[in-house]
């Protein structure tokens, strides 16, 4: 069980998408949950992503500041992955 940084609900790891900060400092979505680095979990929907963005929960969990362009890129990637999954 992992906690979504957006809605704060505990869910099985398989139901969540991991956002990871690699040892090099690159932030990306980790749909498989296997990439090395510091991770934070989100439900696979844009609402949870926006909640995590607004509360800065994702930045706190990853221990890094995120520029607006990165937020936009992650959101569009999350939305495109949600379309392909559902």
C-alpha atoms as a PDB file:
ATOM      1  CA  UNK A   1       0.000   0.000   0.000  1.00  0.00           C
ATOM      2  CA  UNK A   2       1.177   3.482  -0.908  1.00  0.00           C
ATOM      3  CA  UNK A   3      -0.290   6.932  -0.292  1.00  0.00           C
ATOM      4  CA  UNK A   4      -1.273   9.204  -3.169  1.00  0.00           C
ATOM      5  CA  UNK A   5       0.344  12.611  -2.671  1.00  0.00           C
ATOM      6  CA  UNK A   6      -2.736  14.273  -4.193  1.00  0.00           C
ATOM      7  CA  UNK A   7      -5.764  12.781  -2.441  1.00  0.00           C
ATOM      8  CA  UNK A   8      -3.766  11.227   0.450  1.00  0.00           C
ATOM      9  CA  UNK A   9      -5.633   7.892   0.108  1.00  0.00           C
ATOM     10  CA  UNK A  10      -3.837   4.606   0.670  1.00  0.00           C
ATOM     11  CA  UNK A  11      -4.035   2.356  -2.385  1.00  0.00           C
ATOM     12  CA  UNK A  12      -2.212  -0.700  -3.694  1.00  0.00           C
ATOM     13  CA  UNK A  13       1.061   0.193  -5.383  1.00  0.00           C
ATOM     14  CA  UNK A  14      -0.125  -1.305  -8.692  1.00  0.00           C
ATOM     15  CA  UNK A  15      -3.009   1.219  -8.901  1.00  0.00           C
ATOM     16  CA  UNK A  16      -0.745   4.258  -8.578  1.00  0.00           C
ATOM     17  CA  UNK A  17       1.766   5.979 -10.847  1.00  0.00           C
ATOM     18  CA  UNK A  18       5.167   6.710  -9.425  1.00  0.00           C
ATOM     19  CA  UNK A  19       6.875  10.026 -10.035  1.00  0.00           C
ATOM     20  CA  UNK A  20      10.590   9.545  -9.583  1.00  0.00           C
ATOM     21  CA  UNK A  21      13.602  11.810  -9.146  1.00  0.00           C
ATOM     22  CA  UNK A  22      16.606   9.929 -10.456  1.00  0.00           C
ATOM     23  CA  UNK A  23      20.009  10.112  -8.750  1.00  0.00           C
ATOM     24  CA  UNK A  24      20.962  12.593 -11.502  1.00  0.00           C
ATOM     25  CA  UNK A  25      18.011  14.832 -10.554  1.00  0.00           C
ATOM     26  CA  UNK A  26      15.799  14.077 -13.568  1.00  0.00           C
ATOM     27  CA  UNK A  27      12.077  13.913 -12.705  1.00  0.00           C
ATOM     28  CA  UNK A  28       9.836  11.595 -14.704  1.00  0.00           C
ATOM     29  CA  UNK A  29       6.774   9.357 -14.509  1.00  0.00           C
ATOM     30  CA  UNK A  30       7.563   5.736 -13.719  1.00  0.00           C
ATOM     31  CA  UNK A  31       4.525   3.714 -14.800  1.00  0.00           C
ATOM     32  CA  UNK A  32       6.218   0.383 -13.995  1.00  0.00           C
ATOM     33  CA  UNK A  33       7.409   1.503 -10.546  1.00  0.00           C
ATOM     34  CA  UNK A  34      10.879   0.066 -11.046  1.00  0.00           C
ATOM     35  CA  UNK A  35      13.119   3.070 -11.794  1.00  0.00           C
ATOM     36  CA  UNK A  36      15.804   3.866  -9.262  1.00  0.00           C
ATOM     37  CA  UNK A  37      15.573   7.083  -7.312  1.00  0.00           C
ATOM     38  CA  UNK A  38      13.338   8.942  -4.884  1.00  0.00           C
ATOM     39  CA  UNK A  39       9.687   8.263  -5.609  1.00  0.00           C
ATOM     40  CA  UNK A  40       6.258   9.661  -4.847  1.00  0.00           C
ATOM     41  CA  UNK A  41       2.922   8.151  -5.822  1.00  0.00           C
ATOM     42  CA  UNK A  42      -0.148   9.582  -7.540  1.00  0.00           C
ATOM     43  CA  UNK A  43      -3.511   8.206  -8.587  1.00  0.00           C
ATOM     44  CA  UNK A  44      -3.614   7.967 -12.389  1.00  0.00           C
ATOM     45  CA  UNK A  45      -5.788  11.040 -12.851  1.00  0.00           C
ATOM     46  CA  UNK A  46      -5.152  14.714 -13.419  1.00  0.00           C
ATOM     47  CA  UNK A  47      -7.149  15.828 -10.351  1.00  0.00           C
ATOM     48  CA  UNK A  48      -4.766  14.164  -7.916  1.00  0.00           C
ATOM     49  CA  UNK A  49      -1.841  15.586  -9.846  1.00  0.00           C
ATOM     50  CA  UNK A  50      -3.275  19.106  -9.582  1.00  0.00           C
ATOM     51  CA  UNK A  51      -3.925  18.675  -5.839  1.00  0.00           C
ATOM     52  CA  UNK A  52      -0.339  17.541  -5.323  1.00  0.00           C
ATOM     53  CA  UNK A  53       0.882  20.492  -7.380  1.00  0.00           C
ATOM     54  CA  UNK A  54      -1.218  23.029  -5.482  1.00  0.00           C
ATOM     55  CA  UNK A  55      -0.170  21.758  -2.054  1.00  0.00           C
ATOM     56  CA  UNK A  56       3.459  21.266  -3.175  1.00  0.00           C
ATOM     57  CA  UNK A  57       3.211  17.716  -1.817  1.00  0.00           C
ATOM     58  CA  UNK A  58       5.046  16.293  -4.812  1.00  0.00           C
ATOM     59  CA  UNK A  59       7.925  18.743  -4.407  1.00  0.00           C
ATOM     60  CA  UNK A  60       8.195  17.905  -0.705  1.00  0.00           C
ATOM     61  CA  UNK A  61       8.098  14.170  -1.367  1.00  0.00           C
ATOM     62  CA  UNK A  62      10.769  14.395  -4.068  1.00  0.00           C
ATOM     63  CA  UNK A  63      12.766  16.973  -2.106  1.00  0.00           C
ATOM     64  CA  UNK A  64      13.236  19.274  -5.085  1.00  0.00           C
ATOM     65  CA  UNK A  65      11.752  22.405  -6.612  1.00  0.00           C
ATOM     66  CA  UNK A  66       9.979  21.886  -9.901  1.00  0.00           C
ATOM     67  CA  UNK A  67       9.749  24.555 -12.622  1.00  0.00           C
ATOM     68  CA  UNK A  68       6.326  25.226 -14.213  1.00  0.00           C
ATOM     69  CA  UNK A  69       7.411  23.686 -17.533  1.00  0.00           C
ATOM     70  CA  UNK A  70       8.094  20.396 -15.776  1.00  0.00           C
ATOM     71  CA  UNK A  71       4.652  20.420 -14.142  1.00  0.00           C
ATOM     72  CA  UNK A  72       3.052  20.949 -17.555  1.00  0.00           C
ATOM     73  CA  UNK A  73       5.084  18.195 -19.178  1.00  0.00           C
ATOM     74  CA  UNK A  74       4.288  15.711 -16.410  1.00  0.00           C
ATOM     75  CA  UNK A  75       0.577  16.580 -16.507  1.00  0.00           C
ATOM     76  CA  UNK A  76       0.325  16.121 -20.270  1.00  0.00           C
ATOM     77  CA  UNK A  77       2.194  12.816 -20.032  1.00  0.00           C
ATOM     78  CA  UNK A  78      -0.049  11.655 -17.193  1.00  0.00           C
ATOM     79  CA  UNK A  79      -3.155  12.539 -19.203  1.00  0.00           C
ATOM     80  CA  UNK A  80      -1.866  10.743 -22.304  1.00  0.00           C
ATOM     81  CA  UNK A  81      -1.023   7.621 -20.279  1.00  0.00           C
ATOM     82  CA  UNK A  82      -4.494   7.694 -18.723  1.00  0.00           C
ATOM     83  CA  UNK A  83      -6.050   7.781 -22.202  1.00  0.00           C
ATOM     84  CA  UNK A  84      -4.049   4.770 -23.363  1.00  0.00           C
ATOM     85  CA  UNK A  85      -4.876   2.792 -20.191  1.00  0.00           C
ATOM     86  CA  UNK A  86      -8.586   3.502 -20.130  1.00  0.00           C
END
